[in-house]
Amino acid sequence: MKWNLALFVFCAVCLKAAVWVSDGSDTDVIAKIASAADGDTVTLPSGIFDWDEQVTTAKAITIS
């Protein structure tokens, strides 16, 4: 029983999603997306952004 509990706690810590906070610039958002893993979130500050680069991803992440 102790082994199962320790494994569960370890796995729960390993599976925690990260939040990547960007400054909203295209280069920073692209860098944060590149660093993010599936399940992570990349945040942008409120506002309207005019980027010179196209921002795309095939990762299963949340952008908010």
Protein backbone atom coordinates (compact mmCIF):
# COMPACT_ATOMS: atom_id res chain seq x y z
CA MET A 1 0.00 0.00 0.00
CA LYS A 2 2.79 2.44 0.85
CA TRP A 3 4.43 1.82 -2.53
CA ASN A 4 1.20 2.59 -4.45
CA LEU A 5 0.68 5.83 -2.53
CA ALA A 6 4.25 6.99 -3.15
CA LEU A 7 3.94 6.19 -6.85
CA PHE A 8 0.63 8.07 -7.07
CA VAL A 9 2.07 11.19 -5.40
CA PHE A 10 5.16 11.09 -7.62
CA CYS A 11 3.08 10.74 -10.80
CA ALA A 12 0.72 13.54 -9.78
CA VAL A 13 3.68 15.90 -9.37
CA CYS A 14 5.18 14.81 -12.70
CA LEU A 15 1.94 15.36 -14.61
CA LYS A 16 1.30 18.90 -13.36
CA ALA A 17 0.84 21.27 -16.29
CA ALA A 18 2.96 24.38 -16.51
CA VAL A 19 1.81 27.96 -17.14
CA TRP A 20 4.08 30.00 -19.40
CA VAL A 21 3.57 33.78 -18.99
CA SER A 22 4.45 35.75 -22.12
CA ASP A 23 4.86 39.48 -22.60
CA GLY A 24 2.63 39.32 -25.70
CA SER A 25 5.33 39.90 -28.31
CA ASP A 26 5.39 37.47 -31.23
CA THR A 27 8.93 36.29 -30.43
CA ASP A 28 8.11 35.68 -26.77
CA VAL A 29 4.86 33.83 -27.54
CA ILE A 30 6.67 31.64 -30.09
CA ALA A 31 9.41 30.90 -27.52
CA LYS A 32 6.86 30.04 -24.81
CA ILE A 33 4.96 27.74 -27.20
CA ALA A 34 8.23 26.03 -28.14
CA SER A 35 8.96 25.46 -24.44
CA ALA A 36 5.44 24.28 -23.58
CA ALA A 37 4.40 20.64 -23.47
CA ASP A 38 0.97 19.16 -24.15
CA GLY A 39 -1.40 20.22 -21.38
CA ASP A 40 0.48 23.44 -20.59
CA THR A 41 -0.95 26.97 -20.86
CA VAL A 42 0.65 30.00 -22.50
CA THR A 43 -0.81 33.28 -21.25
CA LEU A 44 -0.82 36.67 -22.94
CA PRO A 45 -1.55 40.01 -21.30
CA SER A 46 -4.81 41.75 -22.23
CA GLY A 47 -4.73 43.86 -25.33
CA ILE A 48 -4.45 43.84 -29.09
CA PHE A 49 -1.27 42.54 -30.66
CA ASP A 50 0.21 43.28 -34.08
CA TRP A 51 2.74 40.54 -34.79
CA ASP A 52 5.25 40.37 -37.63
CA GLU A 53 5.43 36.57 -37.40
CA GLN A 54 2.68 33.99 -37.84
CA VAL A 55 2.15 32.03 -34.61
CA THR A 56 1.09 28.40 -35.05
CA THR A 57 1.33 25.19 -33.07
CA ALA A 58 0.26 21.57 -33.30
CA LYS A 59 0.66 21.07 -29.55
CA ALA A 60 -2.29 20.36 -27.26
CA ILE A 61 -1.85 23.54 -25.23
CA THR A 62 -4.14 26.34 -24.07
CA ILE A 63 -3.44 29.91 -25.13
CA SER A 64 -5.23 32.47 -23.00
